[in-house]
Amino acid sequence: GILSLLKEAILAGGLKAKIGALLLKPA
């Protein structure tokens, strides 16, 4: 559930969220 929620939040967060997710990809 936590992994699914993170994915949903990133997809719904717009461009900034996606860029942040890209930077946090290793984490």
mmCIF file of all heavy atoms, coordinates in Angstrom:
data_MODEL
# 
_entry.id   MODEL 
# 
loop_
_atom_site.group_PDB 
_atom_site.id 
_atom_site.type_symbol 
_atom_site.label_atom_id 
_atom_site.label_alt_id 
_atom_site.label_comp_id 
_atom_site.label_asym_id 
_atom_site.label_entity_id 
_atom_site.label_seq_id 
_atom_site.pdbx_PDB_ins_code 
_atom_site.Cartn_x 
_atom_site.Cartn_y 
_atom_site.Cartn_z 
_atom_site.occupancy 
_atom_site.B_iso_or_equiv 
_atom_site.pdbx_formal_charge 
_atom_site.auth_seq_id 
_atom_site.auth_comp_id 
_atom_site.auth_asym_id 
_atom_site.auth_atom_id 
_atom_site.pdbx_PDB_model_num 
ATOM 1   N N   . GLY A 1 1  ? 0.807  -1.219 0.000   1.00 0.00 ? 1  GLY A N   1 
ATOM 2   C CA  . GLY A 1 1  ? 0.000  0.000  0.000   1.00 0.00 ? 1  GLY A CA  1 
ATOM 3   C C   . GLY A 1 1  ? 0.838  1.266  0.000   1.00 0.00 ? 1  GLY A C   1 
ATOM 4   O O   . GLY A 1 1  ? 0.519  2.238  -0.696  1.00 0.00 ? 1  GLY A O   1 
ATOM 5   N N   . ILE A 1 2  ? 1.918  1.265  0.762   1.00 0.00 ? 2  ILE A N   1 
ATOM 6   C CA  . ILE A 1 2  ? 2.792  2.444  0.825   1.00 0.00 ? 2  ILE A CA  1 
ATOM 7   C C   . ILE A 1 2  ? 3.411  2.731  -0.536  1.00 0.00 ? 2  ILE A C   1 
ATOM 8   O O   . ILE A 1 2  ? 3.444  3.882  -0.996  1.00 0.00 ? 2  ILE A O   1 
ATOM 9   C CB  . ILE A 1 2  ? 3.889  2.236  1.890   1.00 0.00 ? 2  ILE A CB  1 
ATOM 10  C CG1 . ILE A 1 2  ? 3.281  2.311  3.291   1.00 0.00 ? 2  ILE A CG1 1 
ATOM 11  C CG2 . ILE A 1 2  ? 4.994  3.287  1.747   1.00 0.00 ? 2  ILE A CG2 1 
ATOM 12  C CD1 . ILE A 1 2  ? 4.233  1.951  4.400   1.00 0.00 ? 2  ILE A CD1 1 
ATOM 13  N N   . LEU A 1 3  ? 3.879  1.703  -1.209  1.00 0.00 ? 3  LEU A N   1 
ATOM 14  C CA  . LEU A 1 3  ? 4.482  1.879  -2.531  1.00 0.00 ? 3  LEU A CA  1 
ATOM 15  C C   . LEU A 1 3  ? 3.450  2.383  -3.539  1.00 0.00 ? 3  LEU A C   1 
ATOM 16  O O   . LEU A 1 3  ? 3.752  3.244  -4.383  1.00 0.00 ? 3  LEU A O   1 
ATOM 17  C CB  . LEU A 1 3  ? 5.092  0.558  -3.008  1.00 0.00 ? 3  LEU A CB  1 
ATOM 18  C CG  . LEU A 1 3  ? 6.322  0.073  -2.220  1.00 0.00 ? 3  LEU A CG  1 
ATOM 19  C CD1 . LEU A 1 3  ? 6.740  -1.314 -2.698  1.00 0.00 ? 3  LEU A CD1 1 
ATOM 20  C CD2 . LEU A 1 3  ? 7.476  1.045  -2.370  1.00 0.00 ? 3  LEU A CD2 1 
ATOM 21  N N   . SER A 1 4  ? 2.216  1.883  -3.436  1.00 0.00 ? 4  SER A N   1 
ATOM 22  C CA  . SER A 1 4  ? 1.145  2.337  -4.342  1.00 0.00 ? 4  SER A CA  1 
ATOM 23  C C   . SER A 1 4  ? 0.782  3.794  -4.087  1.00 0.00 ? 4  SER A C   1 
ATOM 24  O O   . SER A 1 4  ? 0.568  4.567  -5.023  1.00 0.00 ? 4  SER A O   1 
ATOM 25  C CB  . SER A 1 4  ? -0.099 1.455  -4.166  1.00 0.00 ? 4  SER A CB  1 
ATOM 26  O OG  . SER A 1 4  ? 0.161  0.133  -4.562  1.00 0.00 ? 4  SER A OG  1 
ATOM 27  N N   . LEU A 1 5  ? 0.731  4.170  -2.784  1.00 0.00 ? 5  LEU A N   1 
ATOM 28  C CA  . LEU A 1 5  ? 0.422  5.553  -2.441  1.00 0.00 ? 5  LEU A CA  1 
ATOM 29  C C   . LEU A 1 5  ? 1.501  6.517  -2.936  1.00 0.00 ? 5  LEU A C   1 
ATOM 30  O O   . LEU A 1 5  ? 1.196  7.612  -3.419  1.00 0.00 ? 5  LEU A O   1 
ATOM 31  C CB  . LEU A 1 5  ? 0.271  5.688  -0.924  1.00 0.00 ? 5  LEU A CB  1 
ATOM 32  C CG  . LEU A 1 5  ? -1.032 5.152  -0.310  1.00 0.00 ? 5  LEU A CG  1 
ATOM 33  C CD1 . LEU A 1 5  ? -0.942 5.164  1.207   1.00 0.00 ? 5  LEU A CD1 1 
ATOM 34  C CD2 . LEU A 1 5  ? -2.228 5.982  -0.774  1.00 0.00 ? 5  LEU A CD2 1 
ATOM 35  N N   . LEU A 1 6  ? 2.744  6.123  -2.829  1.00 0.00 ? 6  LEU A N   1 
ATOM 36  C CA  . LEU A 1 6  ? 3.841  6.947  -3.326  1.00 0.00 ? 6  LEU A CA  1 
ATOM 37  C C   . LEU A 1 6  ? 3.716  7.159  -4.836  1.00 0.00 ? 6  LEU A C   1 
ATOM 38  O O   . LEU A 1 6  ? 3.882  8.281  -5.339  1.00 0.00 ? 6  LEU A O   1 
ATOM 39  C CB  . LEU A 1 6  ? 5.184  6.274  -3.010  1.00 0.00 ? 6  LEU A CB  1 
ATOM 40  C CG  . LEU A 1 6  ? 5.729  6.451  -1.593  1.00 0.00 ? 6  LEU A CG  1 
ATOM 41  C CD1 . LEU A 1 6  ? 6.954  5.574  -1.387  1.00 0.00 ? 6  LEU A CD1 1 
ATOM 42  C CD2 . LEU A 1 6  ? 6.096  7.913  -1.338  1.00 0.00 ? 6  LEU A CD2 1 
ATOM 43  N N   . LYS A 1 7  ? 3.403  6.087  -5.544  1.00 0.00 ? 7  LYS A N   1 
ATOM 44  C CA  . LYS A 1 7  ? 3.260  6.173  -7.000  1.00 0.00 ? 7  LYS A CA  1 
ATOM 45  C C   . LYS A 1 7  ? 2.106  7.100  -7.375  1.00 0.00 ? 7  LYS A C   1 
ATOM 46  O O   . LYS A 1 7  ? 2.221  7.940  -8.274  1.00 0.00 ? 7  LYS A O   1 
ATOM 47  C CB  . LYS A 1 7  ? 3.031  4.778  -7.576  1.00 0.00 ? 7  LYS A CB  1 
ATOM 48  C CG  . LYS A 1 7  ? 3.035  4.728  -9.101  1.00 0.00 ? 7  LYS A CG  1 
ATOM 49  C CD  . LYS A 1 7  ? 2.906  3.295  -9.598  1.00 0.00 ? 7  LYS A CD  1 
ATOM 50  C CE  . LYS A 1 7  ? 2.907  3.261  -11.122 1.00 0.00 ? 7  LYS A CE  1 
ATOM 51  N NZ  . LYS A 1 7  ? 2.800  1.872  -11.645 1.00 0.00 ? 7  LYS A NZ  1 
ATOM 52  N N   . GLU A 1 8  ? 0.978  6.954  -6.679  1.00 0.00 ? 8  GLU A N   1 
ATOM 53  C CA  . GLU A 1 8  ? -0.191 7.797  -6.944  1.00 0.00 ? 8  GLU A CA  1 
ATOM 54  C C   . GLU A 1 8  ? 0.120  9.270  -6.687  1.00 0.00 ? 8  GLU A C   1 
ATOM 55  O O   . GLU A 1 8  ? -0.250 10.156 -7.468  1.00 0.00 ? 8  GLU A O   1 
ATOM 56  C CB  . GLU A 1 8  ? -1.370 7.361  -6.064  1.00 0.00 ? 8  GLU A CB  1 
ATOM 57  C CG  . GLU A 1 8  ? -2.086 6.117  -6.563  1.00 0.00 ? 8  GLU A CG  1 
ATOM 58  C CD  . GLU A 1 8  ? -3.270 5.759  -5.679  1.00 0.00 ? 8  GLU A CD  1 
ATOM 59  O OE1 . GLU A 1 8  ? -3.815 6.671  -5.012  1.00 0.00 ? 8  GLU A OE1 1 
ATOM 60  O OE2 . GLU A 1 8  ? -3.639 4.580  -5.653  1.00 0.00 ? 8  GLU A OE2 1 
ATOM 61  N N   . ALA A 1 9  ? 0.800  9.545  -5.559  1.00 0.00 ? 9  ALA A N   1 
ATOM 62  C CA  . ALA A 1 9  ? 1.135  10.924 -5.192  1.00 0.00 ? 9  ALA A CA  1 
ATOM 63  C C   . ALA A 1 9  ? 2.053  11.560 -6.237  1.00 0.00 ? 9  ALA A C   1 
ATOM 64  O O   . ALA A 1 9  ? 1.904  12.747 -6.575  1.00 0.00 ? 9  ALA A O   1 
ATOM 65  C CB  . ALA A 1 9  ? 1.791  10.947 -3.818  1.00 0.00 ? 9  ALA A CB  1 
ATOM 66  N N   . ILE A 1 10 ? 2.988  10.795 -6.749  1.00 0.00 ? 10 ILE A N   1 
ATOM 67  C CA  . ILE A 1 10 ? 3.913  11.311 -7.763  1.00 0.00 ? 10 ILE A CA  1 
ATOM 68  C C   . ILE A 1 10 ? 3.181  11.629 -9.062  1.00 0.00 ? 10 ILE A C   1 
ATOM 69  O O   . ILE A 1 10 ? 3.360  12.689 -9.663  1.00 0.00 ? 10 ILE A O   1 
ATOM 70  C CB  . ILE A 1 10 ? 5.051  10.293 -8.003  1.00 0.00 ? 10 ILE A CB  1 
ATOM 71  C CG1 . ILE A 1 10 ? 5.966  10.228 -6.779  1.00 0.00 ? 10 ILE A CG1 1 
ATOM 72  C CG2 . ILE A 1 10 ? 5.869  10.680 -9.245  1.00 0.00 ? 10 ILE A CG2 1 
ATOM 73  C CD1 . ILE A 1 10 ? 6.908  9.049  -6.786  1.00 0.00 ? 10 ILE A CD1 1 
ATOM 74  N N   . LEU A 1 11 ? 2.326  10.709 -9.487  1.00 0.00 ? 11 LEU A N   1 
ATOM 75  C CA  . LEU A 1 11 ? 1.585  10.899 -10.745 1.00 0.00 ? 11 LEU A CA  1 
ATOM 76  C C   . LEU A 1 11 ? 0.614  12.076 -10.660 1.00 0.00 ? 11 LEU A C   1 
ATOM 77  O O   . LEU A 1 11 ? 0.364  12.762 -11.660 1.00 0.00 ? 11 LEU A O   1 
ATOM 78  C CB  . LEU A 1 11 ? 0.834  9.614  -11.103 1.00 0.00 ? 11 LEU A CB  1 
ATOM 79  C CG  . LEU A 1 11 ? 1.703  8.412  -11.508 1.00 0.00 ? 11 LEU A CG  1 
ATOM 80  C CD1 . LEU A 1 11 ? 0.847  7.171  -11.693 1.00 0.00 ? 11 LEU A CD1 1 
ATOM 81  C CD2 . LEU A 1 11 ? 2.491  8.707  -12.777 1.00 0.00 ? 11 LEU A CD2 1 
ATOM 82  N N   . ALA A 1 12 ? 0.065  12.301 -9.440  1.00 0.00 ? 12 ALA A N   1 
ATOM 83  C CA  . ALA A 1 12 ? -0.910 13.386 -9.276  1.00 0.00 ? 12 ALA A CA  1 
ATOM 84  C C   . ALA A 1 12 ? -0.247 14.718 -8.924  1.00 0.00 ? 12 ALA A C   1 
ATOM 85  O O   . ALA A 1 12 ? -0.909 15.757 -8.883  1.00 0.00 ? 12 ALA A O   1 
ATOM 86  C CB  . ALA A 1 12 ? -1.911 13.008 -8.177  1.00 0.00 ? 12 ALA A CB  1 
ATOM 87  N N   . GLY A 1 13 ? 1.053  14.714 -8.692  1.00 0.00 ? 13 GLY A N   1 
ATOM 88  C CA  . GLY A 1 13 ? 1.733  15.913 -8.213  1.00 0.00 ? 13 GLY A CA  1 
ATOM 89  C C   . GLY A 1 13 ? 2.276  16.837 -9.281  1.00 0.00 ? 13 GLY A C   1 
ATOM 90  O O   . GLY A 1 13 ? 2.905  17.849 -8.957  1.00 0.00 ? 13 GLY A O   1 
ATOM 91  N N   . GLY A 1 14 ? 2.076  16.479 -10.534 1.00 0.00 ? 14 GLY A N   1 
ATOM 92  C CA  . GLY A 1 14 ? 2.544  17.342 -11.619 1.00 0.00 ? 14 GLY A CA  1 
ATOM 93  C C   . GLY A 1 14 ? 4.020  17.188 -11.921 1.00 0.00 ? 14 GLY A C   1 
ATOM 94  O O   . GLY A 1 14 ? 4.695  16.263 -11.455 1.00 0.00 ? 14 GLY A O   1 
ATOM 95  N N   . LEU A 1 15 ? 4.524  18.134 -12.683 1.00 0.00 ? 15 LEU A N   1 
ATOM 96  C CA  . LEU A 1 15 ? 5.902  18.076 -13.171 1.00 0.00 ? 15 LEU A CA  1 
ATOM 97  C C   . LEU A 1 15 ? 6.932  18.093 -12.044 1.00 0.00 ? 15 LEU A C   1 
ATOM 98  O O   . LEU A 1 15 ? 7.920  17.353 -12.068 1.00 0.00 ? 15 LEU A O   1 
ATOM 99  C CB  . LEU A 1 15 ? 6.160  19.250 -14.129 1.00 0.00 ? 15 LEU A CB  1 
ATOM 100 C CG  . LEU A 1 15 ? 7.550  19.300 -14.772 1.00 0.00 ? 15 LEU A CG  1 
ATOM 101 C CD1 . LEU A 1 15 ? 7.803  18.041 -15.595 1.00 0.00 ? 15 LEU A CD1 1 
ATOM 102 C CD2 . LEU A 1 15 ? 7.685  20.550 -15.631 1.00 0.00 ? 15 LEU A CD2 1 
ATOM 103 N N   . LYS A 1 16 ? 6.715  18.973 -11.034 1.00 0.00 ? 16 LYS A N   1 
ATOM 104 C CA  . LYS A 1 16 ? 7.675  19.073 -9.938  1.00 0.00 ? 16 LYS A CA  1 
ATOM 105 C C   . LYS A 1 16 ? 7.807  17.744 -9.180  1.00 0.00 ? 16 LYS A C   1 
ATOM 106 O O   . LYS A 1 16 ? 8.904  17.337 -8.802  1.00 0.00 ? 16 LYS A O   1 
ATOM 107 C CB  . LYS A 1 16 ? 7.258  20.180 -8.974  1.00 0.00 ? 16 LYS A CB  1 
ATOM 108 C CG  . LYS A 1 16 ? 7.466  21.591 -9.521  1.00 0.00 ? 16 LYS A CG  1 
ATOM 109 C CD  . LYS A 1 16 ? 7.104  22.628 -8.464  1.00 0.00 ? 16 LYS A CD  1 
ATOM 110 C CE  . LYS A 1 16 ? 7.340  24.049 -8.993  1.00 0.00 ? 16 LYS A CE  1 
ATOM 111 N NZ  . LYS A 1 16 ? 7.006  25.085 -7.981  1.00 0.00 ? 16 LYS A NZ  1 
ATOM 112 N N   . ALA A 1 17 ? 6.663  17.108 -8.964  1.00 0.00 ? 17 ALA A N   1 
ATOM 113 C CA  . ALA A 1 17 ? 6.673  15.830 -8.250  1.00 0.00 ? 17 ALA A CA  1 
ATOM 114 C C   . ALA A 1 17 ? 7.425  14.766 -9.046  1.00 0.00 ? 17 ALA A C   1 
ATOM 115 O O   . ALA A 1 17 ? 8.175  13.952 -8.486  1.00 0.00 ? 17 ALA A O   1 
ATOM 116 C CB  . ALA A 1 17 ? 5.248  15.358 -7.976  1.00 0.00 ? 17 ALA A CB  1 
ATOM 117 N N   . LYS A 1 18 ? 7.226  14.780 -10.372 1.00 0.00 ? 18 LYS A N   1 
ATOM 118 C CA  . LYS A 1 18 ? 7.898  13.790 -11.228 1.00 0.00 ? 18 LYS A CA  1 
ATOM 119 C C   . LYS A 1 18 ? 9.413  14.017 -11.276 1.00 0.00 ? 18 LYS A C   1 
ATOM 120 O O   . LYS A 1 18 ? 10.196 13.072 -11.282 1.00 0.00 ? 18 LYS A O   1 
ATOM 121 C CB  . LYS A 1 18 ? 7.305  13.821 -12.624 1.00 0.00 ? 18 LYS A CB  1 
ATOM 122 C CG  . LYS A 1 18 ? 5.875  13.290 -12.666 1.00 0.00 ? 18 LYS A CG  1 
ATOM 123 C CD  . LYS A 1 18 ? 5.235  13.446 -14.035 1.00 0.00 ? 18 LYS A CD  1 
ATOM 124 C CE  . LYS A 1 18 ? 3.778  12.965 -14.002 1.00 0.00 ? 18 LYS A CE  1 
ATOM 125 N NZ  . LYS A 1 18 ? 3.085  13.178 -15.288 1.00 0.00 ? 18 LYS A NZ  1 
ATOM 126 N N   . ILE A 1 19 ? 9.807  15.288 -11.300 1.00 0.00 ? 19 ILE A N   1 
ATOM 127 C CA  . ILE A 1 19 ? 11.241 15.605 -11.281 1.00 0.00 ? 19 ILE A CA  1 
ATOM 128 C C   . ILE A 1 19 ? 11.847 15.173 -9.936  1.00 0.00 ? 19 ILE A C   1 
ATOM 129 O O   . ILE A 1 19 ? 12.935 14.594 -9.883  1.00 0.00 ? 19 ILE A O   1 
ATOM 130 C CB  . ILE A 1 19 ? 11.481 17.114 -11.516 1.00 0.00 ? 19 ILE A CB  1 
ATOM 131 C CG1 . ILE A 1 19 ? 11.079 17.485 -12.950 1.00 0.00 ? 19 ILE A CG1 1 
ATOM 132 C CG2 . ILE A 1 19 ? 12.948 17.475 -11.267 1.00 0.00 ? 19 ILE A CG2 1 
ATOM 133 C CD1 . ILE A 1 19 ? 11.096 18.971 -13.226 1.00 0.00 ? 19 ILE A CD1 1 
ATOM 134 N N   . GLY A 1 20 ? 11.106 15.451 -8.856  1.00 0.00 ? 20 GLY A N   1 
ATOM 135 C CA  . GLY A 1 20 ? 11.562 15.042 -7.531  1.00 0.00 ? 20 GLY A CA  1 
ATOM 136 C C   . GLY A 1 20 ? 11.684 13.528 -7.425  1.00 0.00 ? 20 GLY A C   1 
ATOM 137 O O   . GLY A 1 20 ? 12.639 13.001 -6.848  1.00 0.00 ? 20 GLY A O   1 
ATOM 138 N N   . ALA A 1 21 ? 10.708 12.818 -8.012  1.00 0.00 ? 21 ALA A N   1 
ATOM 139 C CA  . ALA A 1 21 ? 10.731 11.353 -7.991  1.00 0.00 ? 21 ALA A CA  1 
ATOM 140 C C   . ALA A 1 21 ? 11.937 10.812 -8.757  1.00 0.00 ? 21 ALA A C   1 
ATOM 141 O O   . ALA A 1 21 ? 12.566 9.826  -8.351  1.00 0.00 ? 21 ALA A O   1 
ATOM 142 C CB  . ALA A 1 21 ? 9.449  10.807 -8.588  1.00 0.00 ? 21 ALA A CB  1 
ATOM 143 N N   . LEU A 1 22 ? 12.260 11.498 -9.866  1.00 0.00 ? 22 LEU A N   1 
ATOM 144 C CA  . LEU A 1 22 ? 13.417 11.081 -10.661 1.00 0.00 ? 22 LEU A CA  1 
ATOM 145 C C   . LEU A 1 22 ? 14.700 11.217 -9.850  1.00 0.00 ? 22 LEU A C   1 
ATOM 146 O O   . LEU A 1 22 ? 15.571 10.338 -9.879  1.00 0.00 ? 22 LEU A O   1 
ATOM 147 C CB  . LEU A 1 22 ? 13.505 11.933 -11.934 1.00 0.00 ? 22 LEU A CB  1 
ATOM 148 C CG  . LEU A 1 22 ? 14.568 11.513 -12.959 1.00 0.00 ? 22 LEU A CG  1 
ATOM 149 C CD1 . LEU A 1 22 ? 14.276 10.112 -13.478 1.00 0.00 ? 22 LEU A CD1 1 
ATOM 150 C CD2 . LEU A 1 22 ? 14.605 12.503 -14.114 1.00 0.00 ? 22 LEU A CD2 1 
ATOM 151 N N   . LEU A 1 23 ? 14.805 12.313 -9.100  1.00 0.00 ? 23 LEU A N   1 
ATOM 152 C CA  . LEU A 1 23 ? 15.983 12.531 -8.259  1.00 0.00 ? 23 LEU A CA  1 
ATOM 153 C C   . LEU A 1 23 ? 16.050 11.532 -7.100  1.00 0.00 ? 23 LEU A C   1 
ATOM 154 O O   . LEU A 1 23 ? 17.139 11.164 -6.640  1.00 0.00 ? 23 LEU A O   1 
ATOM 155 C CB  . LEU A 1 23 ? 15.977 13.963 -7.705  1.00 0.00 ? 23 LEU A CB  1 
ATOM 156 C CG  . LEU A 1 23 ? 16.126 15.099 -8.744  1.00 0.00 ? 23 LEU A CG  1 
ATOM 157 C CD1 . LEU A 1 23 ? 15.908 16.451 -8.087  1.00 0.00 ? 23 LEU A CD1 1 
ATOM 158 C CD2 . LEU A 1 23 ? 17.509 15.042 -9.400  1.00 0.00 ? 23 LEU A CD2 1 
ATOM 159 N N   . LEU A 1 24 ? 14.851 11.129 -6.644  1.00 0.00 ? 24 LEU A N   1 
ATOM 160 C CA  . LEU A 1 24 ? 14.785 10.193 -5.516  1.00 0.00 ? 24 LEU A CA  1 
ATOM 161 C C   . LEU A 1 24 ? 14.719 8.725  -5.949  1.00 0.00 ? 24 LEU A C   1 
ATOM 162 O O   . LEU A 1 24 ? 14.541 7.838  -5.108  1.00 0.00 ? 24 LEU A O   1 
ATOM 163 C CB  . LEU A 1 24 ? 13.555 10.513 -4.659  1.00 0.00 ? 24 LEU A CB  1 
ATOM 164 C CG  . LEU A 1 24 ? 13.623 11.788 -3.808  1.00 0.00 ? 24 LEU A CG  1 
ATOM 165 C CD1 . LEU A 1 24 ? 12.255 12.099 -3.224  1.00 0.00 ? 24 LEU A CD1 1 
ATOM 166 C CD2 . LEU A 1 24 ? 14.653 11.642 -2.698  1.00 0.00 ? 24 LEU A CD2 1 
ATOM 167 N N   . LYS A 1 25 ? 14.861 8.481  -7.229  1.00 0.00 ? 25 LYS A N   1 
ATOM 168 C CA  . LYS A 1 25 ? 14.736 7.119  -7.760  1.00 0.00 ? 25 LYS A CA  1 
ATOM 169 C C   . LYS A 1 25 ? 15.650 6.119  -7.052  1.00 0.00 ? 25 LYS A C   1 
ATOM 170 O O   . LYS A 1 25 ? 15.214 5.011  -6.703  1.00 0.00 ? 25 LYS A O   1 
ATOM 171 C CB  . LYS A 1 25 ? 15.015 7.109  -9.260  1.00 0.00 ? 25 LYS A CB  1 
ATOM 172 C CG  . LYS A 1 25 ? 14.640 5.793  -9.942  1.00 0.00 ? 25 LYS A CG  1 
ATOM 173 C CD  . LYS A 1 25 ? 14.789 5.902  -11.447 1.00 0.00 ? 25 LYS A CD  1 
ATOM 174 C CE  . LYS A 1 25 ? 14.385 4.593  -12.120 1.00 0.00 ? 25 LYS A CE  1 
ATOM 175 N NZ  . LYS A 1 25 ? 14.524 4.680  -13.600 1.00 0.00 ? 25 LYS A NZ  1 
ATOM 176 N N   . PRO A 1 26 ? 16.927 6.443  -6.796  1.00 0.00 ? 26 PRO A N   1 
ATOM 177 C CA  . PRO A 1 26 ? 17.788 5.493  -6.064  1.00 0.00 ? 26 PRO A CA  1 
ATOM 178 C C   . PRO A 1 26 ? 17.256 5.168  -4.662  1.00 0.00 ? 26 PRO A C   1 
ATOM 179 O O   . PRO A 1 26 ? 17.335 4.022  -4.217  1.00 0.00 ? 26 PRO A O   1 
ATOM 180 C CB  . PRO A 1 26 ? 19.129 6.232  -5.978  1.00 0.00 ? 26 PRO A CB  1 
ATOM 181 C CG  . PRO A 1 26 ? 19.113 7.173  -7.130  1.00 0.00 ? 26 PRO A CG  1 
ATOM 182 C CD  . PRO A 1 26 ? 17.693 7.626  -7.235  1.00 0.00 ? 26 PRO A CD  1 
ATOM 183 N N   . ALA A 1 27 ? 16.684 6.194  -3.998  1.00 0.00 ? 27 ALA A N   1 
ATOM 184 C CA  . ALA A 1 27 ? 16.134 5.974  -2.653  1.00 0.00 ? 27 ALA A CA  1 
ATOM 185 C C   . ALA A 1 27 ? 14.904 5.074  -2.709  1.00 0.00 ? 27 ALA A C   1 
ATOM 186 O O   . ALA A 1 27 ? 14.716 4.201  -1.846  1.00 0.00 ? 27 ALA A O   1 
ATOM 187 C CB  . ALA A 1 27 ? 15.770 7.315  -2.011  1.00 0.00 ? 27 ALA A CB  1 
# 
